[in-house]
Amino acid sequence: MKFSNPFAILIALCTIWAAAPVFADNDTSSNGMYSFQLESDGYSLPTWYWNGYTYVEGRRGERYNIRVFNHSGQRVEAVVTVDGRDAITGQPGNYKKNRGYVIEPYSSVLIKGFRTSWRDVAGFYFTDIDNSYSARMGTKQNVGVIGVAVFEEKTRREYRRPIRVTPAPRKRGLGTGYGNARPTEEKEASQSRDADAAAPSTQSQESAGRRTQRQRIGTGYGHREYSPATSTEFKRRTRNPGARLAIYYDDRQSLVERGIIPGPRPPVYPAPHPFPENNDPGFAPPPPPAHYWE
């Protein structure tokens, strides 16, 4: 197939058609049209909210996927990064140049790993920070965050929401799942010709990056998994993304130390008395509860 614009090349992957828009219980866009969550074994991972940011607890060796939701009536492109590395190219994240996953209206896309070919990906999994893909590629300072930049399509066509019945959401811990919706034949990813977008604000990144504890885990370059892809065309409507989303993560110990996850409360012991025999005020105490017998 010949495209009119050689820079507008997309990767087609499986999408998930959904019923009515259900907003994932984690980072969402300001208008509520886009969101994403981390999943493991079909369940969304527990999320916590702290100082305006969304956090997920990662466990070493645990496989996970990224599911991005499009709750709008138009196709969108989602550029995804893991630990500052693009999920398709493996290069440092740059939504102005990198390709992204195209999501059909009222649908979602499941991203299983770093893309290694048109057929396969290297699965995402939590591992020690020094073994993470980003650290091994020389960008250790960006480990601990997953980002999504969403672009709307230039050709605006409003689609009606499909009426479909899906199973109830699957939940684990505090996270909210989206259920097992029926997959269609394609999911897509793209590269836009609009490369002159303004740089994103770093205020939120800097605020979230002020840590008193060192990041302990990252995302590894896992085993090969089958995830076929093809190409299609997509043109962005604007230079800047319509939404920039982020989920931060670390292991439980670090999140507890930073006050994000409540830790176990210390036991409460009675205060010692220097004269224990003198604590009795010397008055008549109330009787024990009465027992009535038939």
Protein backbone atom coordinates (compact mmCIF):
# COMPACT_ATOMS: atom_id res chain seq x y z
CA MET A 1 0.00 0.00 0.00
CA LYS A 2 1.36 3.43 -0.94
CA PHE A 3 0.88 6.34 1.43
CA SER A 4 0.58 9.98 0.40
CA ASN A 5 2.73 10.99 3.35
CA PRO A 6 5.74 8.75 4.07
CA PHE A 7 6.03 10.05 7.64
CA ALA A 8 2.53 8.99 8.63
CA ILE A 9 3.21 5.31 9.24
CA LEU A 10 1.37 3.34 11.89
CA ILE A 11 1.71 -0.09 13.42
CA ALA A 12 -1.56 -2.03 13.50
CA LEU A 13 -2.13 -4.16 16.58
CA CYS A 14 -5.16 -5.73 18.33
CA THR A 15 -7.68 -3.34 19.90
CA ILE A 16 -10.33 -4.02 22.51
CA TRP A 17 -13.89 -2.81 21.85
CA ALA A 18 -15.57 -1.74 25.02
CA ALA A 19 -19.09 -1.13 26.20
CA ALA A 20 -19.96 2.21 27.79
CA PRO A 21 -16.92 4.31 28.76
CA VAL A 22 -15.51 3.08 32.05
CA PHE A 23 -12.81 5.23 33.55
CA ALA A 24 -9.87 3.29 34.90
CA ASP A 25 -9.06 3.93 38.53
CA ASN A 26 -5.73 5.61 37.84
CA ASP A 27 -4.22 8.38 35.76
CA THR A 28 -6.73 9.97 33.38
CA SER A 29 -6.69 13.02 31.14
CA SER A 30 -8.20 16.28 32.34
CA ASN A 31 -11.29 15.76 30.17
CA GLY A 32 -11.61 12.10 31.16
CA MET A 33 -11.36 10.85 27.58
CA TYR A 34 -8.11 8.87 27.96
CA SER A 35 -6.63 6.74 30.70
CA PHE A 36 -4.32 3.79 31.22
CA GLN A 37 -3.51 1.13 33.77
CA LEU A 38 -0.99 -1.62 34.45
CA GLU A 39 -2.22 -5.21 34.40
CA SER A 40 -0.82 -8.54 35.50
CA ASP A 41 -2.53 -11.89 34.89
CA GLY A 42 -5.63 -10.07 33.67
CA TYR A 43 -5.96 -7.88 36.77
CA SER A 44 -5.20 -4.21 37.14
CA LEU A 45 -2.39 -3.57 39.60
CA PRO A 46 -3.26 -1.71 42.83
CA THR A 47 -2.88 2.06 42.61
CA TRP A 48 -2.28 4.74 45.22
CA TYR A 49 -2.65 8.51 44.91
CA TRP A 50 -0.19 10.83 46.62
CA ASN A 51 0.31 14.57 46.11
CA GLY A 52 -1.58 14.46 42.83
CA TYR A 53 0.36 11.52 41.36
CA THR A 54 -0.58 7.91 40.69
CA TYR A 55 1.66 5.13 42.02
CA VAL A 56 1.74 1.38 41.52
CA GLU A 57 3.52 -1.21 43.62
CA GLY A 58 5.81 -3.42 41.55
CA ARG A 59 7.07 -6.82 42.66
CA ARG A 60 10.34 -8.19 41.37
CA GLY A 61 9.82 -10.85 38.71
CA GLU A 62 6.18 -9.91 38.09
CA ARG A 63 5.09 -9.62 34.43
CA TYR A 64 2.83 -6.74 33.52
CA ASN A 65 1.12 -5.15 30.52
CA ILE A 66 0.04 -1.59 29.78
CA ARG A 67 -3.57 -1.03 28.73
CA VAL A 68 -4.44 2.38 27.27
CA PHE A 69 -8.11 3.38 27.02
CA ASN A 70 -9.76 5.65 24.48
CA HIS A 71 -13.14 6.71 25.87
CA SER A 72 -13.80 9.16 23.02
CA GLY A 73 -15.64 8.71 19.74
CA GLN A 74 -12.55 9.23 17.57
CA ARG A 75 -9.35 7.40 16.77
CA VAL A 76 -6.32 8.51 18.76
CA GLU A 77 -2.61 7.78 18.79
CA ALA A 78 -0.88 6.97 22.08
CA VAL A 79 2.91 7.28 22.35
CA VAL A 80 4.02 5.09 25.27
CA THR A 81 7.27 5.19 27.22
CA VAL A 82 8.56 2.92 29.97
CA ASP A 83 11.33 4.27 32.21
CA GLY A 84 11.87 7.05 29.70
CA ARG A 85 12.29 4.59 26.78
CA ASP A 86 9.87 4.37 23.87
CA ALA A 87 7.89 1.12 23.95
CA ILE A 88 8.25 0.63 20.18
CA THR A 89 11.75 1.85 19.28
CA GLY A 90 13.53 1.53 22.63
CA GLN A 91 14.97 5.01 22.08
CA PRO A 92 14.69 7.84 24.65
CA GLY A 93 11.09 9.01 24.83
CA ASN A 94 10.17 11.74 22.36
CA TYR A 95 6.50 12.05 21.45
CA LYS A 96 7.37 14.55 18.71
CA LYS A 97 9.20 11.93 16.68
CA ASN A 98 8.31 8.49 17.98
CA ARG A 99 5.50 6.31 16.72
CA GLY A 100 2.54 5.40 18.88
CA TYR A 101 -0.32 2.96 19.21
CA VAL A 102 -3.54 3.93 17.42
CA ILE A 103 -6.70 3.14 19.38
CA GLU A 104 -10.14 2.92 17.82
CA PRO A 105 -13.09 4.84 19.36
CA TYR A 106 -14.35 3.48 22.69
CA SER A 107 -11.57 0.90 22.68
CA SER A 108 -8.32 0.00 24.39
CA VAL A 109 -4.95 -1.37 23.36
CA LEU A 110 -2.89 -3.86 25.35
CA ILE A 111 0.89 -3.31 25.14
CA LYS A 112 2.82 -6.35 26.33
CA GLY A 113 6.43 -5.26 25.97
CA PHE A 114 9.16 -3.46 24.06
CA ARG A 115 8.64 -4.14 20.36
CA THR A 116 11.40 -6.27 18.82
CA SER A 117 9.83 -6.94 15.40
CA TRP A 118 6.53 -6.85 13.51
CA ARG A 119 5.69 -10.14 15.23
CA ASP A 120 7.15 -10.05 18.72
CA VAL A 121 7.80 -7.98 21.82
CA ALA A 122 10.10 -8.35 24.82
CA GLY A 123 7.73 -8.61 27.78
CA PHE A 124 7.62 -6.03 30.56
CA TYR A 125 8.53 -7.26 34.02
CA PHE A 126 9.69 -5.67 37.28
CA THR A 127 13.31 -6.25 38.17
CA ASP A 128 16.19 -4.68 40.10
CA ILE A 129 16.93 -1.21 38.85
CA ASP A 130 20.41 -2.10 37.56
CA ASN A 131 18.91 -4.92 35.48
CA SER A 132 16.22 -2.69 33.98
CA TYR A 133 16.23 -2.02 30.25
CA SER A 134 16.58 1.72 30.74
CA ALA A 135 19.53 1.40 33.12
CA ARG A 136 21.29 -1.05 30.82
CA MET A 137 20.75 1.40 27.94
CA GLY A 138 22.33 4.25 29.91
CA THR A 139 19.27 6.15 31.21
CA LYS A 140 19.02 4.91 34.77
CA GLN A 141 17.86 8.33 35.96
CA ASN A 142 14.48 7.87 34.23
CA VAL A 143 13.57 4.53 35.80
CA GLY A 144 10.29 4.39 37.72
CA VAL A 145 7.69 6.00 35.46
CA ILE A 146 5.41 4.99 32.59
CA GLY A 147 4.11 7.73 30.30
CA VAL A 148 1.43 8.06 27.63
CA ALA A 149 1.01 11.02 25.24
CA VAL A 150 -2.30 11.01 23.35
CA PHE A 151 -2.93 12.68 19.98
CA GLU A 152 -6.25 13.08 18.20
CA GLU A 153 -6.60 12.32 14.50
CA LYS A 154 -6.61 15.16 11.97
CA THR A 155 -9.64 13.75 10.17
CA ARG A 156 -12.35 14.04 12.76
CA ARG A 157 -15.12 11.49 12.44
CA GLU A 158 -17.41 10.92 15.38
CA TYR A 159 -18.30 7.26 15.95
CA ARG A 160 -21.24 6.05 17.94
CA ARG A 161 -20.45 4.04 20.99
CA PRO A 162 -20.86 0.31 20.23
CA ILE A 163 -23.42 -1.50 22.34
CA ARG A 164 -21.69 -4.58 23.63
CA VAL A 165 -21.86 -6.60 26.79
CA THR A 166 -18.59 -7.25 28.60
CA PRO A 167 -17.82 -9.20 31.76
CA ALA A 168 -17.61 -7.36 35.05
CA PRO A 169 -14.25 -5.73 35.82
CA ARG A 170 -11.64 -7.96 37.39
CA LYS A 171 -10.09 -6.40 40.45
CA ARG A 172 -7.14 -7.01 42.73
CA GLY A 173 -6.31 -4.92 45.74
CA LEU A 174 -7.09 -1.25 45.22
CA GLY A 175 -6.86 -1.28 41.44
CA THR A 176 -9.83 -1.22 39.10
CA GLY A 177 -9.86 -3.47 36.06
CA TYR A 178 -11.78 -3.07 32.83
CA GLY A 179 -12.82 -6.65 32.22
CA ASN A 180 -12.09 -8.97 29.33
CA ALA A 181 -13.64 -7.20 26.37
CA ARG A 182 -13.81 -8.90 22.99
CA PRO A 183 -10.74 -8.22 20.81
CA THR A 184 -11.05 -7.21 17.17
CA GLU A 185 -8.54 -8.08 14.48
CA GLU A 186 -6.24 -5.06 14.72
CA LYS A 187 -4.54 -2.64 17.07
CA GLU A 188 -2.42 0.12 15.66
CA ALA A 189 0.60 2.32 16.26
CA SER A 190 1.90 5.33 14.34
CA GLN A 191 4.64 7.82 13.55
CA SER A 192 3.49 11.40 12.99
CA ARG A 193 4.88 13.98 10.58
CA ASP A 194 4.28 16.73 13.17
CA ALA A 195 7.74 16.88 14.76
CA ASP A 196 7.88 20.49 15.95
CA ALA A 197 5.75 20.25 19.09
CA ALA A 198 6.52 22.36 22.13
CA ALA A 199 8.52 20.72 24.89
CA PRO A 200 6.41 19.31 27.76
CA SER A 201 6.35 21.04 31.09
CA THR A 202 8.88 19.59 33.53
CA GLN A 203 7.27 20.93 36.69
CA SER A 204 5.24 17.79 37.41
CA GLN A 205 8.18 15.56 36.49
CA GLU A 206 10.48 17.44 38.84
CA SER A 207 7.95 17.37 41.68
CA ALA A 208 7.41 13.63 41.33
CA GLY A 209 11.15 13.09 41.07
CA ARG A 210 11.99 14.65 44.44
CA ARG A 211 12.62 11.50 46.40
CA THR A 212 14.30 10.96 49.69
CA GLN A 213 14.73 7.26 48.89
CA ARG A 214 16.51 5.77 45.91
CA GLN A 215 14.43 4.02 43.25
CA ARG A 216 14.69 0.28 43.86
CA ILE A 217 13.10 -1.43 40.84
CA GLY A 218 12.72 -0.91 37.10
CA THR A 219 11.28 -2.64 34.04
CA GLY A 220 13.26 -5.40 32.39
CA TYR A 221 13.56 -6.50 28.77
CA GLY A 222 11.78 -9.80 29.15
CA HIS A 223 11.13 -12.96 27.18
CA ARG A 224 9.87 -12.80 23.63
CA GLU A 225 6.09 -12.79 23.24
CA TYR A 226 3.96 -13.01 20.13
CA SER A 227 2.28 -9.69 19.28
CA PRO A 228 1.89 -9.23 15.50
CA ALA A 229 1.82 -5.77 13.94
CA THR A 230 1.17 -4.15 10.56
CA SER A 231 1.28 -0.55 9.31
CA THR A 232 -1.40 1.98 8.43
CA GLU A 233 -1.76 5.75 8.13
CA PHE A 234 -2.53 8.30 10.80
CA LYS A 235 -2.20 12.10 10.78
CA ARG A 236 -2.18 14.06 14.00
CA ARG A 237 -4.64 16.92 14.34
CA THR A 238 -2.32 19.05 16.48
CA ARG A 239 1.38 19.24 17.17
CA ASN A 240 0.95 18.88 20.91
CA PRO A 241 -0.66 15.87 22.56
CA GLY A 242 -4.17 16.31 23.86
CA ALA A 243 -3.18 14.56 27.09
CA ARG A 244 0.01 13.50 28.87
CA LEU A 245 -0.48 10.79 31.47
CA ALA A 246 1.96 9.15 33.87
CA ILE A 247 2.03 6.36 36.43
CA TYR A 248 4.99 6.06 38.80
CA TYR A 249 6.04 2.81 40.44
CA ASP A 250 8.48 1.28 42.90
CA ASP A 251 8.61 -1.66 45.28
CA ARG A 252 6.52 -1.71 48.43
CA GLN A 253 9.36 -0.89 50.81
CA SER A 254 10.18 2.30 48.96
CA LEU A 255 6.54 3.38 48.66
CA VAL A 256 6.01 2.82 52.39
CA GLU A 257 9.15 4.78 53.26
CA ARG A 258 7.97 7.67 51.11
CA GLY A 259 4.56 7.67 52.80
CA ILE A 260 2.66 6.66 49.65
CA ILE A 261 1.52 3.30 50.98
CA PRO A 262 0.51 3.24 54.64
CA GLY A 263 2.90 1.01 56.53
CA PRO A 264 2.07 -1.25 59.47
CA ARG A 265 1.21 0.68 62.61
CA PRO A 266 3.53 0.10 65.57
CA PRO A 267 1.93 -1.68 68.52
CA VAL A 268 0.55 0.51 71.31
CA TYR A 269 1.81 -0.36 74.78
CA PRO A 270 0.52 1.13 78.08
CA ALA A 271 2.79 3.64 79.74
CA PRO A 272 4.76 2.31 82.74
CA HIS A 273 3.79 3.47 86.26
CA PRO A 274 6.33 4.17 88.98
CA PHE A 275 3.86 3.16 91.75
CA PRO A 276 1.48 0.60 90.27
CA GLU A 277 -0.15 -0.24 93.62
CA ASN A 278 -1.10 3.40 94.13
CA ASN A 279 -3.14 3.71 90.93
CA ASP A 280 -6.31 2.57 92.67
CA PRO A 281 -8.25 5.72 93.63
CA GLY A 282 -9.73 3.87 96.61
CA PHE A 283 -13.37 4.13 95.58
CA ALA A 284 -15.95 1.46 94.94
CA PRO A 285 -15.65 0.16 91.36
CA PRO A 286 -18.78 -0.73 89.36
CA PRO A 287 -19.89 -4.36 89.51
CA PRO A 288 -19.33 -6.73 86.62
CA PRO A 289 -22.14 -7.15 84.08
CA ALA A 290 -25.21 -8.87 85.48
CA HIS A 291 -26.15 -12.32 84.15
CA TYR A 292 -29.81 -13.26 84.01
CA TRP A 293 -30.79 -16.88 84.03
CA GLU A 294 -34.13 -18.28 83.10
